[in-house]
């Protein structure tokens, strides 16, 4: 009986150790899950706040303006004056001016002529 009692104690010890191990594993899994959820929540708030910061900018509206070409004016010079880096670049601005004014790429601008150029503004009206 003495040997069966010590076998019983061994089984009890093993059961207790298994419970402790399972409890440790459960705590580790809960901790990892909590960290993952926390990270997810932080990332969602971060992206939402950056989106709302971007939404705080005043909207830009596209307008068109007729301008008189001055001596020495080039489309490149005009693009530097009217282009908005947030909306377009110099090349797309020049392409749009050529299209709006029905000009060819190698067209010459003559002083005194009028051309229509696009520009962007936050002002409405």
C-alpha atoms as a PDB file:
ATOM      1  CA  UNK A   1       0.000   0.000   0.000  1.00  0.00           C
ATOM      2  CA  UNK A   2       2.844   2.259   0.653  1.00  0.00           C
ATOM      3  CA  UNK A   3       3.911   2.048  -2.982  1.00  0.00           C
ATOM      4  CA  UNK A   4       0.369   2.801  -4.216  1.00  0.00           C
ATOM      5  CA  UNK A   5       0.186   5.794  -1.895  1.00  0.00           C
ATOM      6  CA  UNK A   6       3.401   7.191  -3.265  1.00  0.00           C
ATOM      7  CA  UNK A   7       2.066   6.519  -6.810  1.00  0.00           C
ATOM      8  CA  UNK A   8      -1.059   8.409  -5.804  1.00  0.00           C
ATOM      9  CA  UNK A   9       1.064  11.305  -4.536  1.00  0.00           C
ATOM     10  CA  UNK A  10       3.043  11.229  -7.777  1.00  0.00           C
ATOM     11  CA  UNK A  11      -0.194  11.388  -9.808  1.00  0.00           C
ATOM     12  CA  UNK A  12      -1.479  14.257  -7.663  1.00  0.00           C
ATOM     13  CA  UNK A  13       1.809  16.107  -8.112  1.00  0.00           C
ATOM     14  CA  UNK A  14       1.654  15.591 -11.866  1.00  0.00           C
ATOM     15  CA  UNK A  15      -1.944  16.832 -11.990  1.00  0.00           C
ATOM     16  CA  UNK A  16      -1.053  19.916  -9.939  1.00  0.00           C
ATOM     17  CA  UNK A  17       1.964  20.651 -12.186  1.00  0.00           C
ATOM     18  CA  UNK A  18      -0.170  20.244 -15.322  1.00  0.00           C
ATOM     19  CA  UNK A  19      -2.747  22.679 -13.924  1.00  0.00           C
ATOM     20  CA  UNK A  20      -0.039  25.211 -13.140  1.00  0.00           C
ATOM     21  CA  UNK A  21       1.419  24.806 -16.641  1.00  0.00           C
ATOM     22  CA  UNK A  22      -2.011  25.225 -18.252  1.00  0.00           C
ATOM     23  CA  UNK A  23      -2.696  28.284 -16.095  1.00  0.00           C
ATOM     24  CA  UNK A  24       0.652  29.788 -17.149  1.00  0.00           C
ATOM     25  CA  UNK A  25      -0.129  29.064 -20.802  1.00  0.00           C
ATOM     26  CA  UNK A  26      -3.584  30.578 -20.415  1.00  0.00           C
ATOM     27  CA  UNK A  27      -2.142  33.719 -18.819  1.00  0.00           C
ATOM     28  CA  UNK A  28       0.451  34.002 -21.606  1.00  0.00           C
ATOM     29  CA  UNK A  29      -2.226  33.636 -24.279  1.00  0.00           C
ATOM     30  CA  UNK A  30      -4.424  36.208 -22.567  1.00  0.00           C
ATOM     31  CA  UNK A  31      -1.493  38.601 -22.288  1.00  0.00           C
ATOM     32  CA  UNK A  32      -0.578  38.176 -25.966  1.00  0.00           C
ATOM     33  CA  UNK A  33      -4.224  38.609 -26.964  1.00  0.00           C
ATOM     34  CA  UNK A  34      -4.512  41.766 -24.866  1.00  0.00           C
ATOM     35  CA  UNK A  35      -1.327  43.161 -26.429  1.00  0.00           C
ATOM     36  CA  UNK A  36      -2.549  42.427 -29.955  1.00  0.00           C
ATOM     37  CA  UNK A  37      -5.926  44.030 -29.278  1.00  0.00           C
ATOM     38  CA  UNK A  38      -4.247  47.052 -27.670  1.00  0.00           C
ATOM     39  CA  UNK A  39      -1.931  47.449 -30.640  1.00  0.00           C
ATOM     40  CA  UNK A  40      -4.878  47.194 -33.020  1.00  0.00           C
ATOM     41  CA  UNK A  41      -6.826  49.856 -31.110  1.00  0.00           C
ATOM     42  CA  UNK A  42      -3.801  52.172 -31.029  1.00  0.00           C
ATOM     43  CA  UNK A  43      -3.266  51.774 -34.781  1.00  0.00           C
ATOM     44  CA  UNK A  44      -6.940  52.441 -35.511  1.00  0.00           C
ATOM     45  CA  UNK A  45      -6.871  55.635 -33.439  1.00  0.00           C
ATOM     46  CA  UNK A  46      -3.592  56.692 -35.068  1.00  0.00           C
ATOM     47  CA  UNK A  47      -4.951  56.278 -38.582  1.00  0.00           C
ATOM     48  CA  UNK A  48      -8.234  57.931 -37.682  1.00  0.00           C
ATOM     49  CA  UNK A  49      -6.430  60.925 -36.191  1.00  0.00           C
ATOM     50  CA  UNK A  50      -4.140  61.332 -39.223  1.00  0.00           C
ATOM     51  CA  UNK A  51      -7.175  61.123 -41.499  1.00  0.00           C
ATOM     52  CA  UNK A  52      -8.988  63.770 -39.480  1.00  0.00           C
ATOM     53  CA  UNK A  53      -5.893  65.990 -39.535  1.00  0.00           C
ATOM     54  CA  UNK A  54      -5.827  65.686 -43.325  1.00  0.00           C
ATOM     55  CA  UNK A  55      -9.539  66.516 -43.457  1.00  0.00           C
ATOM     56  CA  UNK A  56      -8.916  69.773 -41.578  1.00  0.00           C
ATOM     57  CA  UNK A  57      -7.315  71.324 -44.656  1.00  0.00           C
ATOM     58  CA  UNK A  58      -9.460  73.756 -46.538  1.00  0.00           C
ATOM     59  CA  UNK A  59     -10.653  72.283 -49.818  1.00  0.00           C
ATOM     60  CA  UNK A  60      -9.153  73.595 -53.015  1.00  0.00           C
ATOM     61  CA  UNK A  61     -11.406  74.630 -55.880  1.00  0.00           C
ATOM     62  CA  UNK A  62     -10.338  74.767 -59.509  1.00  0.00           C
ATOM     63  CA  UNK A  63     -10.881  78.010 -61.398  1.00  0.00           C
ATOM     64  CA  UNK A  64      -9.929  79.335 -64.796  1.00  0.00           C
ATOM     65  CA  UNK A  65      -8.483  82.724 -65.539  1.00  0.00           C
ATOM     66  CA  UNK A  66      -7.828  84.572 -68.783  1.00  0.00           C
ATOM     67  CA  UNK A  67      -4.430  86.230 -68.759  1.00  0.00           C
ATOM     68  CA  UNK A  68      -2.639  88.427 -71.248  1.00  0.00           C
ATOM     69  CA  UNK A  69       0.704  87.062 -72.398  1.00  0.00           C
ATOM     70  CA  UNK A  70       3.566  89.417 -71.577  1.00  0.00           C
ATOM     71  CA  UNK A  71       6.791  89.692 -73.588  1.00  0.00           C
ATOM     72  CA  UNK A  72       9.097  86.781 -72.737  1.00  0.00           C
ATOM     73  CA  UNK A  73       6.360  84.646 -71.094  1.00  0.00           C
ATOM     74  CA  UNK A  74       6.626  80.895 -71.545  1.00  0.00           C
ATOM     75  CA  UNK A  75       4.246  78.160 -70.458  1.00  0.00           C
ATOM     76  CA  UNK A  76       6.905  76.987 -68.035  1.00  0.00           C
ATOM     77  CA  UNK A  77       7.092  80.452 -66.419  1.00  0.00           C
ATOM     78  CA  UNK A  78       3.299  80.620 -66.174  1.00  0.00           C
ATOM     79  CA  UNK A  79       3.176  77.135 -64.666  1.00  0.00           C
ATOM     80  CA  UNK A  80       5.543  78.203 -61.902  1.00  0.00           C
ATOM     81  CA  UNK A  81       3.137  81.012 -61.070  1.00  0.00           C
ATOM     82  CA  UNK A  82      -0.157  79.072 -61.262  1.00  0.00           C
ATOM     83  CA  UNK A  83       0.618  75.419 -60.544  1.00  0.00           C
ATOM     84  CA  UNK A  84      -0.453  73.947 -57.215  1.00  0.00           C
ATOM     85  CA  UNK A  85       1.890  71.123 -56.102  1.00  0.00           C
ATOM     86  CA  UNK A  86      -0.930  69.371 -54.227  1.00  0.00           C
ATOM     87  CA  UNK A  87      -3.092  69.095 -57.337  1.00  0.00           C
ATOM     88  CA  UNK A  88      -0.786  68.860 -60.324  1.00  0.00           C
ATOM     89  CA  UNK A  89       2.762  69.256 -61.531  1.00  0.00           C
ATOM     90  CA  UNK A  90       4.344  71.536 -64.135  1.00  0.00           C
ATOM     91  CA  UNK A  91       4.007  69.048 -67.003  1.00  0.00           C
ATOM     92  CA  UNK A  92       0.318  68.327 -66.398  1.00  0.00           C
ATOM     93  CA  UNK A  93      -0.346  72.061 -66.019  1.00  0.00           C
ATOM     94  CA  UNK A  94       1.297  72.785 -69.390  1.00  0.00           C
ATOM     95  CA  UNK A  95      -0.632  69.937 -71.039  1.00  0.00           C
ATOM     96  CA  UNK A  96      -3.897  71.307 -69.658  1.00  0.00           C
ATOM     97  CA  UNK A  97      -3.138  74.864 -70.831  1.00  0.00           C
ATOM     98  CA  UNK A  98      -2.311  73.539 -74.302  1.00  0.00           C
ATOM     99  CA  UNK A  99      -5.567  71.567 -74.384  1.00  0.00           C
ATOM    100  CA  UNK A 100      -7.768  74.388 -73.041  1.00  0.00           C
ATOM    101  CA  UNK A 101      -6.364  76.895 -75.521  1.00  0.00           C
ATOM    102  CA  UNK A 102      -6.261  74.466 -78.448  1.00  0.00           C
ATOM    103  CA  UNK A 103      -2.512  74.965 -78.854  1.00  0.00           C
ATOM    104  CA  UNK A 104       0.111  72.601 -80.214  1.00  0.00           C
ATOM    105  CA  UNK A 105       3.103  71.597 -78.105  1.00  0.00           C
ATOM    106  CA  UNK A 106       5.470  73.687 -80.238  1.00  0.00           C
ATOM    107  CA  UNK A 107       3.145  76.743 -80.350  1.00  0.00           C
ATOM    108  CA  UNK A 108       4.664  80.151 -79.698  1.00  0.00           C
ATOM    109  CA  UNK A 109       3.095  82.522 -77.204  1.00  0.00           C
ATOM    110  CA  UNK A 110       2.844  86.067 -78.534  1.00  0.00           C
ATOM    111  CA  UNK A 111       2.802  89.098 -76.275  1.00  0.00           C
ATOM    112  CA  UNK A 112      -0.645  90.656 -76.115  1.00  0.00           C
ATOM    113  CA  UNK A 113      -2.536  87.405 -76.793  1.00  0.00           C
ATOM    114  CA  UNK A 114      -4.846  86.010 -74.145  1.00  0.00           C
ATOM    115  CA  UNK A 115      -4.784  82.443 -72.857  1.00  0.00           C
ATOM    116  CA  UNK A 116      -6.848  80.635 -70.259  1.00  0.00           C
ATOM    117  CA  UNK A 117      -4.972  79.053 -67.339  1.00  0.00           C
ATOM    118  CA  UNK A 118      -6.304  76.902 -64.479  1.00  0.00           C
ATOM    119  CA  UNK A 119      -5.539  77.718 -60.876  1.00  0.00           C
ATOM    120  CA  UNK A 120      -6.613  76.463 -57.456  1.00  0.00           C
ATOM    121  CA  UNK A 121      -7.910  78.469 -54.542  1.00  0.00           C
ATOM    122  CA  UNK A 122      -9.643  77.875 -51.216  1.00  0.00           C
ATOM    123  CA  UNK A 123     -11.819  80.905 -51.869  1.00  0.00           C
ATOM    124  CA  UNK A 124     -15.367  80.124 -52.987  1.00  0.00           C
ATOM    125  CA  UNK A 125     -17.104  82.601 -55.236  1.00  0.00           C
END
